Protein backbone atom coordinates (compact mmCIF):
# COMPACT_ATOMS: atom_id res chain seq x y z
CA MET A 1 20.07 39.23 -91.79
CA SER A 2 18.01 36.65 -93.60
CA TYR A 3 18.60 33.18 -91.77
CA ASN A 4 16.68 29.81 -92.95
CA ILE A 5 16.97 28.29 -89.24
CA HIS A 6 16.31 24.61 -90.18
CA ILE A 7 13.83 24.62 -87.19
CA GLY A 8 16.79 24.81 -85.05
CA ASN A 9 18.12 21.48 -85.82
CA PRO A 10 21.46 21.15 -86.86
CA PRO A 11 22.19 19.25 -89.73
CA SER A 12 25.39 17.13 -88.42
CA LYS A 13 22.61 16.29 -85.66
CA PRO A 14 19.55 14.33 -86.61
CA GLY A 15 16.61 15.21 -84.24
CA LEU A 16 19.02 17.72 -82.19
CA ILE A 17 17.25 21.04 -81.50
CA ASP A 18 20.00 23.56 -80.76
CA MET A 19 18.38 26.76 -80.39
CA GLU A 20 21.50 28.24 -78.37
CA ALA A 21 23.41 27.63 -82.18
CA ILE A 22 21.06 29.89 -83.66
CA ILE A 23 21.02 32.44 -81.00
CA LYS A 24 24.51 32.58 -80.79
CA ALA A 25 25.12 32.99 -84.88
CA ILE A 26 22.87 35.53 -84.65
CA LYS A 27 24.26 37.51 -81.39
CA ALA A 28 27.58 37.84 -83.35
CA GLU A 29 26.39 39.68 -86.12
CA ASP A 30 24.17 42.06 -84.09
CA PRO A 31 21.82 42.88 -87.13
CA ASP A 32 18.81 45.44 -86.41
CA LEU A 33 16.27 43.39 -88.78
CA ILE A 34 16.17 39.83 -89.15
CA ALA A 35 13.79 37.13 -91.34
CA LEU A 36 13.87 33.98 -90.22
CA GLN A 37 12.51 30.40 -92.22
CA GLU A 38 11.66 27.10 -90.89
CA VAL A 39 10.48 28.78 -87.13
CA ASP A 40 8.66 25.90 -85.14
CA VAL A 41 5.80 27.00 -83.04
CA ASN A 42 4.58 24.63 -80.44
CA THR A 43 5.01 21.69 -82.97
CA ALA A 44 6.08 18.23 -81.50
CA ARG A 45 9.12 17.39 -83.62
CA SER A 46 10.77 20.25 -81.92
CA GLY A 47 9.80 19.88 -78.27
CA LYS A 48 6.53 22.50 -78.13
CA ILE A 49 8.35 25.15 -77.63
CA ASN A 50 7.91 28.90 -79.18
CA GLN A 51 11.20 29.10 -81.47
CA ALA A 52 10.05 32.73 -82.20
CA ASP A 53 9.65 33.87 -78.78
CA ILE A 54 12.52 32.11 -77.34
CA ILE A 55 15.05 33.77 -80.42
CA ALA A 56 13.73 37.19 -79.67
CA ARG A 57 13.60 36.72 -75.83
CA LYS A 58 17.00 36.07 -75.99
CA LEU A 59 17.87 38.72 -78.10
CA GLY A 60 16.15 41.44 -76.61
CA MET A 61 13.85 41.92 -79.74
CA ASN A 62 10.42 42.76 -80.77
CA PHE A 63 9.14 39.99 -83.09
CA PHE A 64 6.08 39.12 -85.38
CA PHE A 65 5.40 35.15 -86.34
CA ALA A 66 3.59 34.31 -89.16
CA LYS A 67 2.48 30.89 -89.92
CA ALA A 68 2.33 28.89 -93.21
CA ILE A 69 1.15 25.69 -92.17
CA ASP A 70 0.07 23.44 -89.26
CA HIS A 71 2.59 21.11 -88.76
CA ASP A 72 2.94 18.04 -86.08
CA GLY A 73 0.51 19.49 -83.35
CA GLY A 74 2.16 23.46 -83.95
CA ASP A 75 2.65 25.93 -86.22
CA TYR A 76 5.61 26.25 -88.92
CA GLY A 77 6.31 29.66 -90.81
CA VAL A 78 8.42 32.75 -90.66
CA THR A 79 9.28 35.31 -88.30
CA LEU A 80 10.19 38.98 -88.33
CA LEU A 81 12.77 40.41 -85.73
CA SER A 82 13.31 43.96 -84.88
CA LYS A 83 14.89 46.12 -82.69
CA PHE A 84 12.75 48.81 -83.46
CA PRO A 85 8.90 49.21 -82.52
CA ILE A 86 7.04 47.22 -84.75
CA SER A 87 3.13 47.67 -86.41
CA GLU A 88 0.85 46.95 -88.61
CA THR A 89 1.62 43.47 -88.79
CA LYS A 90 0.08 41.28 -91.80
CA VAL A 91 0.49 37.77 -93.10
CA HIS A 92 -0.19 37.90 -97.28
CA ARG A 93 -0.85 34.51 -98.11
CA LEU A 94 0.66 33.22 -101.32
CA THR A 95 -0.71 31.35 -103.90
CA THR A 96 0.11 27.62 -104.21
CA VAL A 97 -1.04 26.56 -107.63
CA ALA A 98 -3.55 23.67 -107.02
CA GLY A 99 -2.35 20.05 -108.39
CA SER A 100 1.21 21.13 -108.00
CA GLY A 101 1.96 19.74 -104.34
CA GLY A 102 3.46 22.58 -103.41
CA GLU A 103 2.77 24.05 -99.75
CA PRO A 104 1.06 26.92 -98.54
CA ARG A 105 3.49 29.72 -98.21
CA VAL A 106 3.43 33.18 -96.72
CA ILE A 107 5.24 36.51 -96.65
CA ALA A 108 5.10 38.51 -93.33
CA THR A 109 5.07 42.16 -93.58
CA ALA A 110 5.86 44.50 -90.14
CA ARG A 111 5.98 48.89 -90.21
CA ILE A 112 9.30 49.35 -88.30
CA GLN A 113 9.84 52.73 -86.57
CA LEU A 114 13.41 53.79 -86.73
CA LYS A 115 15.64 55.82 -84.48
CA ASN A 116 15.11 59.17 -85.79
CA GLY A 117 11.23 58.71 -86.38
CA LYS A 118 10.93 57.64 -89.87
CA TYR A 119 9.02 54.14 -91.19
CA ILE A 120 9.86 51.61 -93.49
CA ARG A 121 8.57 48.32 -94.18
CA PHE A 122 9.88 44.71 -93.87
CA GLY A 123 9.01 41.56 -95.16
CA ALA A 124 10.24 38.30 -94.58
CA THR A 125 9.35 34.84 -97.16
CA HIS A 126 10.26 31.62 -98.18
CA LEU A 127 9.18 30.32 -101.15
CA ASP A 128 8.07 27.05 -102.76
CA HIS A 129 10.79 24.51 -102.65
CA LEU A 130 9.97 22.35 -105.44
CA LYS A 131 11.85 21.75 -108.52
CA ASN A 132 9.30 22.96 -110.76
CA PRO A 133 9.66 26.84 -110.54
CA VAL A 134 5.53 27.71 -111.76
CA ASN A 135 4.56 28.20 -107.85
CA ARG A 136 7.38 30.81 -107.29
CA GLU A 137 7.03 32.32 -110.27
CA VAL A 138 3.54 33.44 -108.95
CA GLN A 139 4.90 33.74 -105.70
CA ILE A 140 7.06 36.18 -106.71
CA GLU A 141 4.45 38.33 -108.79
CA GLU A 142 2.60 38.56 -105.42
CA ILE A 143 5.35 39.84 -103.98
CA ASN A 144 6.19 42.31 -106.64
CA LYS A 145 2.51 43.16 -106.77
CA ILE A 146 2.70 43.67 -102.66
CA GLY A 147 6.17 46.03 -103.23
CA LEU A 148 4.50 48.36 -105.81
CA GLU A 149 1.37 49.00 -103.81
CA GLU A 150 3.51 49.67 -100.46
CA LYS A 151 3.61 53.56 -100.05
CA LEU A 152 6.79 52.99 -97.34
CA PRO A 153 10.57 51.96 -98.19
CA PHE A 154 10.23 48.33 -98.46
CA ILE A 155 13.07 45.52 -97.77
CA ILE A 156 12.46 42.31 -97.90
CA ALA A 157 14.22 38.86 -97.43
CA GLY A 158 14.00 35.47 -97.20
CA ASP A 159 14.80 31.90 -98.69
CA LEU A 160 13.45 31.92 -102.04
CA ASN A 161 14.23 28.62 -103.46
CA ALA A 162 15.91 30.45 -106.47
CA VAL A 163 19.19 30.67 -107.48
CA THR A 164 20.17 34.31 -109.35
CA GLU A 165 19.67 33.33 -112.91
CA SER A 166 16.28 31.70 -112.67
CA ALA A 167 13.47 33.34 -114.13
CA GLU A 168 12.18 33.65 -111.18
CA ILE A 169 14.98 35.93 -109.71
CA GLN A 170 15.17 38.01 -112.92
CA LYS A 171 11.10 38.47 -112.12
CA LEU A 172 11.88 39.53 -109.08
CA ASP A 173 14.37 42.29 -110.14
CA GLN A 174 11.71 44.18 -112.09
CA VAL A 175 10.78 45.51 -108.74
CA PHE A 176 13.64 44.71 -106.44
CA MET A 177 17.09 45.73 -106.02
CA ARG A 178 19.07 42.59 -104.14
CA THR A 179 21.81 43.81 -101.97
CA CYS A 180 24.36 41.68 -104.10
CA SER A 181 24.62 41.06 -107.72
CA LYS A 182 27.19 38.66 -107.67
CA CYS A 183 26.09 36.69 -105.09
CA GLU A 184 28.27 34.20 -102.54
CA PRO A 185 26.35 30.30 -101.88
CA THR A 186 23.93 30.24 -98.97
CA PHE A 187 23.50 26.48 -99.41
CA PRO A 188 23.93 23.93 -98.59
CA VAL A 189 26.17 24.17 -95.18
CA VAL A 190 28.46 21.91 -96.02
CA THR A 191 30.57 23.03 -99.20
CA PRO A 192 27.65 25.69 -100.55
CA ASN A 193 27.14 25.82 -104.20
CA ARG A 194 24.00 27.77 -104.68
CA THR A 195 22.66 31.42 -103.80
CA ILE A 196 19.07 31.14 -102.69
CA ASP A 197 18.74 33.32 -99.99
CA PHE A 198 18.43 36.83 -100.43
CA ILE A 199 17.61 40.68 -99.29
CA ALA A 200 15.85 43.06 -101.52
CA PHE A 201 14.74 46.31 -101.72
CA LYS A 202 12.04 48.03 -103.91
CA LYS A 203 14.37 49.74 -106.91
CA THR A 204 12.01 53.03 -106.03
CA ASP A 205 13.38 53.43 -102.88
CA LYS A 206 16.67 55.53 -101.73
CA PHE A 207 18.43 52.77 -100.33
CA SER A 208 22.15 52.37 -101.28
CA VAL A 209 24.20 49.00 -100.20
CA ILE A 210 27.17 49.72 -98.13
CA SER A 211 28.03 45.97 -97.81
CA HIS A 212 26.72 42.45 -98.16
CA ARG A 213 28.11 39.21 -97.34
CA VAL A 214 27.34 35.39 -96.27
CA VAL A 215 28.24 34.46 -92.73
CA GLN A 216 29.97 31.57 -92.55
CA GLU A 217 28.14 29.80 -89.82
CA HIS A 218 28.69 26.08 -90.73
CA TYR A 219 26.93 23.96 -87.39
CA ALA A 220 23.46 25.82 -86.65
CA SER A 221 21.63 25.51 -89.72
CA ASP A 222 21.69 23.90 -93.33
CA HIS A 223 21.48 27.51 -94.92
CA LEU A 224 24.32 30.07 -94.24
CA PRO A 225 22.56 33.45 -93.07
CA VAL A 226 23.08 36.50 -94.80
CA ILE A 227 23.69 40.22 -93.92
CA ALA A 228 23.62 43.52 -95.67
CA LEU A 229 24.26 47.16 -94.41
CA LEU A 230 21.98 49.63 -95.84
CA ARG A 231 22.01 53.09 -95.77
CA TYR A 232 18.68 55.39 -96.58
């Protein structure tokens, strides 16, 4: 699953943090691996709570939080969650071009040990949100480089803030295979009209896509969750 949780704030209720709604949306799908974006840890705006830890504990999953920026007295970033053991966690800092006005961005990765004892690598990211694609293009080049250097089968997921026909996604497609080709819209949550949330795996890896769908959960966040079932 990839899910931008909008710091647990339902768009219809400004100022409210409803972690139970996020947890319920995830629990309904019961994913093995999750990439979350827009996660707050100890920020004043969301009540000084550790959202990553709360979600992981309620779901009974292992997790790794990666800070992208300092915000409001705490941390803001992405989170990996896994039903399986995780190790070799790493935060890769992605480039924000000087003078572009973009926020710092990261991709968090972890080694995942599957039930059969084999290992894969899983990554969660959230790319630059500005209209100018300059940062996203550089960030996707860096993610492609990480992918090409990775020896393990590698799945990435996240809010890429780029639509399928963009130059950025075409660049991603050189190294990674998205789990959808005609992708359903994921944003905004009310009458969604564009796809910016994706799951993908390295083209050279022996994954096949059993299914890909967008979950029609229209309350908890401003993005819809994305689910893919893969066979390795």
